[in-house]
Amino acid sequence: MNTVKRKVALVTGGSRGLGKNMALALADDGNDLIITYHSNQKQAEEVVNQVKAKGVMAAAFQLDTSKTERFDSFFQTLSGYLNSQYQDPKFDFLINNGGTALYSPFDKTTEEEFDSIINIHFKGVYFLTQKALAFLNDNGAIVNVSSGLARFSLPGSSAYGATKAAVDSLTRYMAKELGYRGIRANTIAPGAIETDFGGGHVRDNKEINQFIAKETPLGRVGLPDDIGGVVAFLCSPRGGWINGQRIEVSGGIY
């Protein structure tokens, strides 16, 4: 049983990539962590152990953010855990990070692929946040993860980029409608980052990596460490007057 009630952050898709880096950065700021994972429990537990090594609490729970019908049971499990640890079923920060890639030309994208991307990146974000409101403390914060592809266009990302543009718009509505509770909502929009996202599309393809580095004023592709600290900042008192904003973290590409 934990007798110290630190701020608690929930990071979806926190078992790898950007979500892992966000979790570690939030832990560095002294927050307790809850991460979700889609299928790799072992990987998630490794992140939990890394977070705990920083002197804070951490736990991992399975969640498929495309399955809205499972959100009620997820929050029942989550609130039970929070009650057992803190005698309080609520948390403070929600980071909607979980997602997957789709690289498909506009004229080849199937309706099934489109629906999958919508369910994960927009419908899931919309209704997971809606369900979370009963468990989110007043004066908390929501950080949604968008993409540079919502602002500029590269071939093969029409469905993905469009859903991220929808998240940008949704975030402004969240900020407007949740402000009465002191809850801030912002979006971060990473550029291309070297992770295993999309099967390592940016990290492992030398031609793509070099192209992005050339197009980026800072002369390189982004790294996970470029992102997590921005999320931690937005969940800290230092970011307490930032609300309804889209903050692009892309090295200035385009």
Protein backbone atom coordinates (compact mmCIF):
# COMPACT_ATOMS: atom_id res chain seq x y z
CA MET A 1 0.00 0.00 0.00
CA ASN A 2 1.36 3.38 -1.02
CA THR A 3 0.91 6.06 1.63
CA VAL A 4 2.19 8.93 -0.53
CA LYS A 5 -0.25 10.20 -3.15
CA ARG A 6 1.84 11.46 -6.01
CA LYS A 7 0.31 12.60 -9.26
CA VAL A 8 -0.64 9.62 -11.40
CA ALA A 9 -0.35 9.52 -15.20
CA LEU A 10 -2.01 7.04 -17.55
CA VAL A 11 -0.12 6.51 -20.81
CA THR A 12 -1.76 4.35 -23.46
CA GLY A 13 0.65 2.37 -25.58
CA GLY A 14 3.33 2.89 -22.95
CA SER A 15 5.19 -0.38 -23.43
CA ARG A 16 7.41 0.75 -26.31
CA GLY A 17 8.48 3.60 -28.54
CA LEU A 18 7.28 7.08 -27.75
CA GLY A 19 4.90 5.87 -25.04
CA LYS A 20 7.76 4.26 -23.14
CA ASN A 21 9.78 7.46 -23.36
CA MET A 22 6.79 9.50 -22.16
CA ALA A 23 6.37 7.18 -19.18
CA LEU A 24 10.03 7.46 -18.22
CA ALA A 25 10.02 11.25 -18.57
CA LEU A 26 6.87 11.55 -16.45
CA ALA A 27 8.52 9.32 -13.83
CA ASP A 28 11.57 11.58 -13.85
CA ASP A 29 9.21 14.39 -12.84
CA GLY A 30 8.04 12.35 -9.85
CA ASN A 31 4.75 11.03 -11.22
CA ASP A 32 3.46 7.53 -10.64
CA LEU A 33 2.65 5.68 -13.84
CA ILE A 34 0.05 3.41 -15.33
CA ILE A 35 0.78 2.20 -18.83
CA THR A 36 -1.28 0.12 -21.20
CA TYR A 37 -0.07 -2.42 -23.72
CA HIS A 38 -1.82 -4.14 -26.62
CA SER A 39 -0.30 -7.63 -26.54
CA ASN A 40 3.28 -7.73 -25.24
CA GLN A 41 2.93 -8.03 -21.47
CA LYS A 42 6.59 -8.90 -20.94
CA GLN A 43 7.69 -5.72 -22.70
CA ALA A 44 5.25 -3.70 -20.61
CA GLU A 45 6.55 -5.19 -17.37
CA GLU A 46 10.08 -4.26 -18.38
CA VAL A 47 8.97 -0.64 -18.69
CA VAL A 48 7.21 -0.88 -15.32
CA ASN A 49 10.47 -2.05 -13.75
CA GLN A 50 12.40 0.82 -15.37
CA VAL A 51 9.84 3.29 -14.02
CA LYS A 52 9.94 1.79 -10.53
CA ALA A 53 13.73 2.07 -10.56
CA LYS A 54 13.20 5.85 -10.58
CA GLY A 55 11.51 5.64 -7.17
CA VAL A 56 7.86 5.91 -8.21
CA MET A 57 4.96 3.48 -8.51
CA ALA A 58 4.02 1.82 -11.79
CA ALA A 59 1.65 -0.78 -13.20
CA ALA A 60 0.67 -2.09 -16.64
CA PHE A 61 -2.74 -3.18 -17.93
CA GLN A 62 -3.81 -4.65 -21.25
CA LEU A 63 -5.96 -2.42 -23.45
CA ASP A 64 -6.95 -2.43 -27.10
CA THR A 65 -7.89 1.20 -27.74
CA SER A 66 -9.90 0.25 -30.83
CA LYS A 67 -12.36 -1.81 -28.73
CA THR A 68 -14.61 0.83 -27.16
CA GLU A 69 -16.88 -1.84 -25.69
CA ARG A 70 -14.06 -2.85 -23.34
CA PHE A 71 -13.44 0.60 -21.88
CA ASP A 72 -15.87 0.24 -18.97
CA SER A 73 -14.22 -2.94 -17.74
CA PHE A 74 -10.78 -1.37 -18.19
CA PHE A 75 -11.68 1.56 -15.96
CA GLN A 76 -13.21 -0.78 -13.38
CA THR A 77 -9.88 -2.61 -13.23
CA LEU A 78 -7.92 0.63 -13.17
CA SER A 79 -10.00 2.23 -10.43
CA GLY A 80 -9.71 -0.95 -8.37
CA TYR A 81 -5.94 -0.77 -8.63
CA LEU A 82 -5.91 2.92 -7.71
CA ASN A 83 -8.17 2.29 -4.71
CA SER A 84 -5.92 -0.51 -3.51
CA GLN A 85 -2.80 1.64 -3.79
CA TYR A 86 -4.06 5.10 -2.84
CA GLN A 87 -7.58 4.66 -1.43
CA ASP A 88 -8.62 6.92 -4.30
CA PRO A 89 -9.95 5.75 -7.70
CA LYS A 90 -8.77 8.81 -9.61
CA PHE A 91 -5.69 9.81 -11.58
CA ASP A 92 -4.35 13.12 -12.87
CA PHE A 93 -3.00 12.91 -16.41
CA LEU A 94 -4.22 11.06 -19.50
CA ILE A 95 -1.85 10.67 -22.43
CA ASN A 96 -3.60 9.25 -25.49
CA ASN A 97 -0.56 7.80 -27.24
CA GLY A 98 -1.49 4.25 -28.27
CA GLY A 99 -1.63 3.67 -32.01
CA THR A 100 -0.40 1.96 -35.11
CA ALA A 101 0.75 2.98 -38.57
CA LEU A 102 -0.83 2.60 -41.99
CA TYR A 103 1.22 3.19 -45.12
CA SER A 104 -1.16 2.90 -48.03
CA PRO A 105 -1.81 5.05 -51.13
CA PHE A 106 -5.13 6.89 -51.16
CA ASP A 107 -6.43 4.89 -54.14
CA LYS A 108 -5.45 1.56 -52.57
CA THR A 109 -6.66 2.06 -48.98
CA THR A 110 -9.49 -0.33 -48.16
CA GLU A 111 -12.54 0.47 -46.08
CA GLU A 112 -11.38 -2.11 -43.54
CA GLU A 113 -8.00 -0.38 -43.20
CA PHE A 114 -9.69 3.00 -42.95
CA ASP A 115 -12.07 1.83 -40.22
CA SER A 116 -9.19 0.29 -38.26
CA ILE A 117 -7.23 3.56 -38.28
CA ILE A 118 -10.31 5.59 -37.35
CA ASN A 119 -11.14 3.23 -34.47
CA ILE A 120 -7.64 3.35 -33.03
CA HIS A 121 -6.63 6.95 -33.59
CA PHE A 122 -9.89 8.87 -33.36
CA LYS A 123 -12.90 6.92 -32.09
CA GLY A 124 -10.78 5.24 -29.42
CA VAL A 125 -9.30 8.55 -28.28
CA TYR A 126 -12.74 10.18 -28.22
CA PHE A 127 -14.49 7.55 -26.13
CA LEU A 128 -11.57 6.50 -23.93
CA THR A 129 -11.23 10.13 -22.85
CA GLN A 130 -14.99 10.39 -22.37
CA LYS A 131 -14.96 7.32 -20.09
CA ALA A 132 -11.86 8.60 -18.29
CA LEU A 133 -13.52 11.83 -17.19
CA ALA A 134 -15.21 10.18 -14.21
CA PHE A 135 -11.77 9.11 -12.96
CA LEU A 136 -9.72 12.15 -13.94
CA ASN A 137 -9.03 14.62 -11.18
CA ASP A 138 -10.01 18.26 -11.55
CA ASN A 139 -7.03 20.42 -12.53
CA GLY A 140 -5.54 17.50 -14.40
CA ALA A 141 -4.34 17.36 -17.98
CA ILE A 142 -4.97 15.50 -21.22
CA VAL A 143 -2.26 15.16 -23.86
CA ASN A 144 -3.31 13.75 -27.22
CA VAL A 145 -0.74 12.57 -29.73
CA SER A 146 -1.13 13.83 -33.26
CA SER A 147 1.43 13.89 -36.07
CA GLY A 148 3.26 16.26 -38.34
CA LEU A 149 1.32 14.47 -41.09
CA ALA A 150 -1.80 16.35 -39.98
CA ARG A 151 -0.13 19.57 -41.18
CA PHE A 152 1.91 18.48 -44.18
CA SER A 153 1.25 15.66 -46.62
CA LEU A 154 3.44 12.78 -47.72
CA PRO A 155 2.18 10.04 -50.05
CA GLY A 156 0.71 6.98 -48.38
CA SER A 157 -0.56 8.54 -45.16
CA SER A 158 -3.97 9.96 -46.11
CA ALA A 159 -6.04 7.92 -43.61
CA TYR A 160 -3.52 8.23 -40.78
CA GLY A 161 -2.92 11.95 -41.33
CA ALA A 162 -6.64 12.70 -41.57
CA THR A 163 -7.39 10.99 -38.26
CA LYS A 164 -4.61 12.96 -36.59
CA ALA A 165 -6.08 16.19 -37.97
CA ALA A 166 -9.35 15.12 -36.35
CA VAL A 167 -7.52 14.66 -33.04
CA ASP A 168 -6.13 18.20 -33.35
CA SER A 169 -9.65 19.55 -33.71
CA LEU A 170 -11.04 17.33 -30.95
CA THR A 171 -8.40 18.59 -28.55
CA ARG A 172 -9.57 22.18 -28.95
CA TYR A 173 -13.12 21.08 -28.11
CA MET A 174 -11.85 19.22 -25.05
CA ALA A 175 -10.04 22.34 -23.87
CA LYS A 176 -13.17 24.42 -24.35
CA GLU A 177 -15.58 22.00 -22.68
CA LEU A 178 -13.43 20.71 -19.81
CA GLY A 179 -11.95 24.02 -18.70
CA TYR A 180 -14.65 24.45 -16.06
CA ARG A 181 -12.98 21.58 -14.19
CA GLY A 182 -9.52 23.05 -14.61
CA ILE A 183 -8.59 20.22 -16.99
CA ARG A 184 -6.23 21.29 -19.74
CA ALA A 185 -6.08 19.54 -23.13
CA ASN A 186 -3.23 19.85 -25.59
CA THR A 187 -1.86 17.98 -28.57
CA ILE A 188 1.72 17.14 -29.37
CA ALA A 189 2.53 16.37 -32.99
CA PRO A 190 5.77 14.44 -33.43
CA GLY A 191 7.54 14.36 -36.74
CA ALA A 192 9.21 11.20 -38.00
CA ILE A 193 10.84 9.41 -35.08
CA GLU A 194 13.25 6.46 -35.02
CA THR A 195 11.19 3.76 -33.26
CA ASP A 196 9.67 0.39 -34.16
CA PHE A 197 6.44 2.23 -35.16
CA GLY A 198 5.19 0.91 -38.49
CA GLY A 199 7.70 -1.91 -38.36
CA GLY A 200 10.61 0.49 -38.00
CA HIS A 201 9.61 2.33 -41.20
CA VAL A 202 11.67 5.42 -40.36
CA ARG A 203 14.34 3.83 -38.18
CA ASP A 204 15.34 0.95 -40.43
CA ASN A 205 14.83 2.24 -43.97
CA LYS A 206 18.04 4.09 -44.80
CA GLU A 207 16.54 5.90 -47.79
CA ILE A 208 13.54 7.19 -45.83
CA ASN A 209 15.72 8.14 -42.88
CA GLN A 210 18.09 10.15 -45.06
CA PHE A 211 15.22 11.85 -46.90
CA ILE A 212 13.62 13.02 -43.65
CA ALA A 213 16.93 14.18 -42.22
CA LYS A 214 17.54 16.23 -45.36
CA GLU A 215 14.10 17.85 -45.16
CA THR A 216 14.46 18.70 -41.47
CA PRO A 217 16.23 21.99 -40.63
CA LEU A 218 18.03 20.40 -37.67
CA GLY A 219 19.47 17.81 -40.03
CA ARG A 220 18.36 14.55 -38.46
CA VAL A 221 15.41 12.30 -37.77
CA GLY A 222 13.72 12.60 -34.38
CA LEU A 223 14.47 10.31 -31.45
CA PRO A 224 12.15 9.18 -28.63
CA ASP A 225 14.06 11.37 -26.19
CA ASP A 226 12.93 14.39 -28.21
CA ILE A 227 9.29 13.70 -27.30
CA GLY A 228 8.82 12.42 -23.75
CA GLY A 229 10.04 15.56 -22.03
CA VAL A 230 7.50 17.68 -23.89
CA VAL A 231 4.66 15.52 -22.55
CA ALA A 232 6.08 15.70 -19.03
CA PHE A 233 6.29 19.50 -19.35
CA LEU A 234 2.64 19.74 -20.40
CA CYS A 235 1.66 17.70 -17.32
CA SER A 236 3.69 19.86 -14.97
CA PRO A 237 3.00 23.20 -13.28
CA ARG A 238 5.46 24.70 -15.78
CA GLY A 239 2.93 24.02 -18.52
CA GLY A 240 -0.06 25.00 -16.42
CA TRP A 241 -1.20 27.92 -18.61
CA ILE A 242 -0.95 26.04 -21.91
CA ASN A 243 -4.35 24.86 -23.09
CA GLY A 244 -6.01 23.99 -26.39
CA GLN A 245 -2.70 24.04 -28.25
CA ARG A 246 -1.11 21.91 -30.95
CA ILE A 247 2.62 21.73 -30.25
CA GLU A 248 4.59 20.26 -33.10
CA VAL A 249 7.77 18.45 -32.05
CA SER A 250 9.31 17.73 -35.43
CA GLY A 251 12.59 19.61 -35.69
CA GLY A 252 10.93 22.15 -37.96
CA ILE A 253 10.33 19.90 -40.98
CA TYR A 254 8.46 21.76 -43.73
